[in-house]
Amino acid sequence: MADNKEIIPPPYDVNAKWDACLDLTVRRFVYSSLGGAFGGLLLFRSPVSRWASVAFGAGLGIGSAYTECSRLFEGSPAKSAAPKMVENPAPKIVENPAPQDGQD
């Protein structure tokens, strides 16, 4: 007997997206934490500063994985919109106003 499985098209396969997202998150977290640890060993003497560089690297990894996963799930766009420039005419400035009410 032949299996009568429905084939889910790739854009709608949520399980594959979650698998890819989880894999990406773990890899980026580990690699950036190791990079932060290596940078902390080279640059800092204090254990607190070294742990802070590891935490910073881990944060970078999690943040970049979050951006990629949101793009994968077609969520909010990662790109920020450029501010719109509004051209308004400059106000007129009078440099030497005439004295009023008999003032010099």
N, C-alpha and C. Protein backbone atom coordinates (compact mmCIF):
# COMPACT_ATOMS: atom_id res chain seq x y z
N MET A 1 0.83 -1.18 0.00
CA MET A 1 0.00 0.00 0.00
C MET A 1 0.88 1.24 0.00
N ALA A 2 0.47 2.18 -0.72
CA ALA A 2 1.22 3.43 -0.82
C ALA A 2 0.75 4.38 0.28
N ASP A 3 1.73 5.08 0.84
CA ASP A 3 1.37 6.09 1.85
C ASP A 3 0.72 7.27 1.14
N ASN A 4 -0.34 7.74 1.70
CA ASN A 4 -1.07 8.84 1.10
C ASN A 4 -0.84 10.10 1.94
N LYS A 5 0.45 10.53 2.04
CA LYS A 5 0.79 11.70 2.84
C LYS A 5 0.60 12.96 2.03
N GLU A 6 0.11 13.96 2.71
CA GLU A 6 0.00 15.27 2.06
C GLU A 6 1.35 15.97 2.16
N ILE A 7 1.79 16.51 1.07
CA ILE A 7 3.06 17.23 1.05
C ILE A 7 2.76 18.71 1.29
N ILE A 8 3.38 19.23 2.33
CA ILE A 8 3.15 20.63 2.70
C ILE A 8 4.15 21.49 1.95
N PRO A 9 3.68 22.52 1.25
CA PRO A 9 4.62 23.39 0.54
C PRO A 9 5.55 24.12 1.53
N PRO A 10 6.79 24.39 1.13
CA PRO A 10 7.78 25.01 2.05
C PRO A 10 7.34 26.31 2.71
N PRO A 11 6.62 27.21 2.04
CA PRO A 11 6.24 28.45 2.76
C PRO A 11 5.30 28.21 3.94
N TYR A 12 4.58 27.07 3.94
CA TYR A 12 3.62 26.80 5.00
C TYR A 12 4.09 25.74 5.98
N ASP A 13 5.30 25.24 5.82
CA ASP A 13 5.83 24.20 6.71
C ASP A 13 6.42 24.86 7.95
N VAL A 14 5.59 25.01 8.98
CA VAL A 14 5.99 25.71 10.20
C VAL A 14 7.02 24.91 10.98
N ASN A 15 6.92 23.59 10.96
CA ASN A 15 7.88 22.76 11.68
C ASN A 15 9.29 22.94 11.15
N ALA A 16 9.43 23.01 9.84
CA ALA A 16 10.76 23.22 9.25
C ALA A 16 11.29 24.60 9.60
N LYS A 17 10.40 25.59 9.65
CA LYS A 17 10.84 26.94 10.01
C LYS A 17 11.32 26.98 11.46
N TRP A 18 10.58 26.32 12.37
CA TRP A 18 11.00 26.29 13.77
C TRP A 18 12.31 25.55 13.94
N ASP A 19 12.49 24.47 13.20
CA ASP A 19 13.75 23.72 13.28
C ASP A 19 14.91 24.58 12.82
N ALA A 20 14.73 25.28 11.70
CA ALA A 20 15.79 26.14 11.18
C ALA A 20 16.07 27.29 12.14
N CYS A 21 15.03 27.83 12.73
CA CYS A 21 15.19 28.96 13.65
C CYS A 21 15.90 28.53 14.92
N LEU A 22 15.54 27.38 15.46
CA LEU A 22 16.18 26.88 16.66
C LEU A 22 17.65 26.56 16.41
N ASP A 23 17.93 25.95 15.27
CA ASP A 23 19.32 25.63 14.91
C ASP A 23 20.14 26.91 14.76
N LEU A 24 19.58 27.89 14.09
CA LEU A 24 20.28 29.17 13.90
C LEU A 24 20.52 29.87 15.23
N THR A 25 19.54 29.85 16.12
CA THR A 25 19.67 30.51 17.41
C THR A 25 20.75 29.87 18.27
N VAL A 26 20.76 28.55 18.32
CA VAL A 26 21.76 27.86 19.14
C VAL A 26 23.17 28.10 18.59
N ARG A 27 23.32 27.98 17.27
CA ARG A 27 24.64 28.19 16.69
C ARG A 27 25.15 29.61 16.90
N ARG A 28 24.31 30.61 16.65
CA ARG A 28 24.76 31.99 16.82
C ARG A 28 25.02 32.33 18.28
N PHE A 29 24.23 31.80 19.18
CA PHE A 29 24.45 32.02 20.61
C PHE A 29 25.79 31.46 21.04
N VAL A 30 26.07 30.23 20.66
CA VAL A 30 27.32 29.57 21.07
C VAL A 30 28.53 30.25 20.44
N TYR A 31 28.48 30.48 19.13
CA TYR A 31 29.63 31.07 18.45
C TYR A 31 29.92 32.48 18.94
N SER A 32 28.90 33.30 19.13
CA SER A 32 29.14 34.66 19.58
C SER A 32 29.56 34.70 21.05
N SER A 33 29.08 33.75 21.86
CA SER A 33 29.54 33.66 23.25
C SER A 33 31.02 33.27 23.30
N LEU A 34 31.41 32.33 22.45
CA LEU A 34 32.82 31.95 22.38
C LEU A 34 33.68 33.11 21.88
N GLY A 35 33.17 33.86 20.93
CA GLY A 35 33.89 35.04 20.46
C GLY A 35 34.03 36.09 21.55
N GLY A 36 32.97 36.28 22.33
CA GLY A 36 33.04 37.22 23.45
C GLY A 36 34.00 36.75 24.52
N ALA A 37 34.05 35.43 24.77
CA ALA A 37 34.98 34.89 25.76
C ALA A 37 36.42 35.06 25.30
N PHE A 38 36.67 34.80 24.04
CA PHE A 38 38.02 34.96 23.49
C PHE A 38 38.44 36.43 23.53
N GLY A 39 37.53 37.32 23.13
CA GLY A 39 37.83 38.76 23.19
C GLY A 39 38.04 39.23 24.62
N GLY A 40 37.26 38.69 25.55
CA GLY A 40 37.42 39.05 26.96
C GLY A 40 38.74 38.59 27.53
N LEU A 41 39.19 37.40 27.11
CA LEU A 41 40.50 36.91 27.57
C LEU A 41 41.63 37.77 27.04
N LEU A 42 41.49 38.26 25.82
CA LEU A 42 42.55 39.08 25.23
C LEU A 42 42.56 40.51 25.76
N LEU A 43 41.40 41.06 26.01
CA LEU A 43 41.31 42.49 26.29
C LEU A 43 41.19 42.86 27.77
N PHE A 44 40.62 41.99 28.59
CA PHE A 44 40.30 42.37 29.96
C PHE A 44 41.02 41.48 30.97
N ARG A 45 41.30 42.05 32.14
CA ARG A 45 41.91 41.29 33.24
C ARG A 45 40.89 40.90 34.29
N SER A 46 39.92 41.73 34.50
CA SER A 46 38.93 41.48 35.54
C SER A 46 37.94 40.39 35.11
N PRO A 47 37.63 39.45 36.00
CA PRO A 47 36.64 38.42 35.64
C PRO A 47 35.26 39.00 35.33
N VAL A 48 34.92 40.10 35.98
CA VAL A 48 33.62 40.71 35.73
C VAL A 48 33.56 41.25 34.30
N SER A 49 34.65 41.88 33.86
CA SER A 49 34.69 42.40 32.50
C SER A 49 34.68 41.27 31.48
N ARG A 50 35.34 40.18 31.81
CA ARG A 50 35.34 39.03 30.90
C ARG A 50 33.94 38.43 30.76
N TRP A 51 33.24 38.30 31.90
CA TRP A 51 31.88 37.78 31.82
C TRP A 51 30.95 38.75 31.10
N ALA A 52 31.22 40.04 31.26
CA ALA A 52 30.39 41.02 30.56
C ALA A 52 30.60 40.91 29.05
N SER A 53 31.82 40.63 28.61
CA SER A 53 32.05 40.48 27.17
C SER A 53 31.40 39.19 26.65
N VAL A 54 31.36 38.15 27.47
CA VAL A 54 30.66 36.92 27.08
C VAL A 54 29.16 37.21 26.95
N ALA A 55 28.61 37.94 27.92
CA ALA A 55 27.19 38.28 27.87
C ALA A 55 26.86 39.17 26.69
N PHE A 56 27.76 40.09 26.38
CA PHE A 56 27.55 40.96 25.21
C PHE A 56 27.54 40.14 23.93
N GLY A 57 28.49 39.22 23.80
CA GLY A 57 28.53 38.35 22.63
C GLY A 57 27.28 37.49 22.52
N ALA A 58 26.81 36.96 23.65
CA ALA A 58 25.60 36.15 23.64
C ALA A 58 24.39 36.99 23.22
N GLY A 59 24.35 38.22 23.68
CA GLY A 59 23.25 39.11 23.29
C GLY A 59 23.27 39.42 21.81
N LEU A 60 24.46 39.61 21.27
CA LEU A 60 24.56 39.83 19.83
C LEU A 60 24.08 38.62 19.05
N GLY A 61 24.46 37.44 19.51
CA GLY A 61 24.03 36.22 18.83
C GLY A 61 22.54 36.01 18.88
N ILE A 62 21.95 36.23 20.04
CA ILE A 62 20.49 36.07 20.18
C ILE A 62 19.76 37.13 19.35
N GLY A 63 20.27 38.35 19.36
CA GLY A 63 19.62 39.41 18.58
C GLY A 63 19.67 39.17 17.09
N SER A 64 20.82 38.72 16.59
CA SER A 64 20.90 38.46 15.15
C SER A 64 20.06 37.25 14.77
N ALA A 65 19.98 36.25 15.64
CA ALA A 65 19.12 35.09 15.36
C ALA A 65 17.65 35.50 15.38
N TYR A 66 17.29 36.38 16.29
CA TYR A 66 15.90 36.86 16.34
C TYR A 66 15.53 37.60 15.05
N THR A 67 16.45 38.41 14.57
CA THR A 67 16.21 39.15 13.33
C THR A 67 16.01 38.19 12.16
N GLU A 68 16.87 37.19 12.05
CA GLU A 68 16.75 36.23 10.96
C GLU A 68 15.46 35.40 11.09
N CYS A 69 15.10 35.02 12.30
CA CYS A 69 13.88 34.23 12.49
C CYS A 69 12.64 35.05 12.18
N SER A 70 12.63 36.31 12.54
CA SER A 70 11.47 37.14 12.21
C SER A 70 11.35 37.33 10.71
N ARG A 71 12.49 37.38 10.03
CA ARG A 71 12.46 37.47 8.57
C ARG A 71 11.99 36.14 7.97
N LEU A 72 12.38 35.02 8.60
CA LEU A 72 11.98 33.70 8.12
C LEU A 72 10.47 33.49 8.28
N PHE A 73 9.91 33.95 9.38
CA PHE A 73 8.48 33.82 9.61
C PHE A 73 7.70 34.98 9.01
N GLU A 74 8.36 35.86 8.30
CA GLU A 74 7.75 37.01 7.64
C GLU A 74 6.98 37.87 8.63
N GLY A 75 7.62 38.13 9.77
CA GLY A 75 7.01 38.96 10.79
C GLY A 75 7.29 40.42 10.51
N SER A 76 7.55 41.16 11.56
CA SER A 76 7.83 42.57 11.38
C SER A 76 9.16 42.72 10.64
N PRO A 77 9.23 43.67 9.74
CA PRO A 77 10.46 43.83 8.97
C PRO A 77 11.61 44.31 9.85
N ALA A 78 12.80 43.81 9.57
CA ALA A 78 13.97 44.17 10.36
C ALA A 78 14.52 45.53 9.94
N LYS A 79 14.18 45.95 8.75
CA LYS A 79 14.70 47.23 8.26
C LYS A 79 13.88 48.38 8.84
N SER A 80 14.56 49.41 9.24
CA SER A 80 13.85 50.58 9.73
C SER A 80 13.69 51.56 8.58
N ALA A 81 12.58 52.24 8.57
CA ALA A 81 12.30 53.19 7.51
C ALA A 81 13.12 54.46 7.72
N ALA A 82 13.58 55.02 6.62
CA ALA A 82 14.34 56.25 6.70
C ALA A 82 13.40 57.40 7.03
N PRO A 83 13.85 58.35 7.84
CA PRO A 83 12.97 59.49 8.16
C PRO A 83 12.71 60.33 6.93
N LYS A 84 11.49 60.81 6.84
CA LYS A 84 11.12 61.64 5.69
C LYS A 84 11.55 63.08 5.95
N MET A 85 12.13 63.66 4.95
CA MET A 85 12.56 65.05 5.04
C MET A 85 11.46 65.95 4.48
N VAL A 86 10.98 66.86 5.28
CA VAL A 86 9.95 67.79 4.85
C VAL A 86 10.62 69.13 4.62
N GLU A 87 10.41 69.65 3.43
CA GLU A 87 11.02 70.93 3.10
C GLU A 87 10.04 72.06 3.40
N ASN A 88 10.33 72.81 4.44
CA ASN A 88 9.55 73.98 4.80
C ASN A 88 10.39 75.22 4.51
N PRO A 89 9.75 76.29 4.06
CA PRO A 89 10.54 77.50 3.83
C PRO A 89 11.05 78.05 5.17
N ALA A 90 12.24 78.59 5.13
CA ALA A 90 12.84 79.16 6.34
C ALA A 90 12.10 80.43 6.73
N PRO A 91 11.94 80.69 8.03
CA PRO A 91 11.26 81.92 8.45
C PRO A 91 12.12 83.14 8.13
N LYS A 92 11.45 84.22 7.84
CA LYS A 92 12.17 85.46 7.52
C LYS A 92 12.63 86.11 8.82
N ILE A 93 13.90 86.48 8.86
CA ILE A 93 14.48 87.10 10.03
C ILE A 93 14.87 88.53 9.68
N VAL A 94 14.39 89.46 10.50
CA VAL A 94 14.73 90.86 10.31
C VAL A 94 15.94 91.15 11.17
N GLU A 95 17.05 91.58 10.54
CA GLU A 95 18.30 91.77 11.28
C GLU A 95 18.32 93.06 12.10
N ASN A 96 17.95 94.17 11.51
CA ASN A 96 17.99 95.48 12.19
C ASN A 96 16.59 96.09 12.16
N PRO A 97 15.78 95.78 13.16
CA PRO A 97 14.44 96.38 13.15
C PRO A 97 14.51 97.88 13.46
N ALA A 98 13.59 98.61 12.88
CA ALA A 98 13.55 100.05 13.13
C ALA A 98 13.09 100.31 14.55
N PRO A 99 13.68 101.30 15.23
CA PRO A 99 13.25 101.62 16.59
C PRO A 99 11.79 102.12 16.60
N GLN A 100 11.07 101.75 17.61
CA GLN A 100 9.67 102.11 17.71
C GLN A 100 9.47 102.95 18.99
N ASP A 101 8.48 103.76 18.99
CA ASP A 101 8.06 104.58 20.13
C ASP A 101 9.18 105.48 20.65
N GLY A 102 9.97 106.03 19.77
CA GLY A 102 10.99 106.98 20.16
C GLY A 102 12.21 106.36 20.84
N GLN A 103 12.45 105.10 20.72
CA GLN A 103 13.63 104.48 21.31
C GLN A 103 14.79 104.62 20.36
N ASP A 104 15.96 104.74 20.91
CA ASP A 104 17.17 104.84 20.07
C ASP A 104 17.75 103.51 19.76
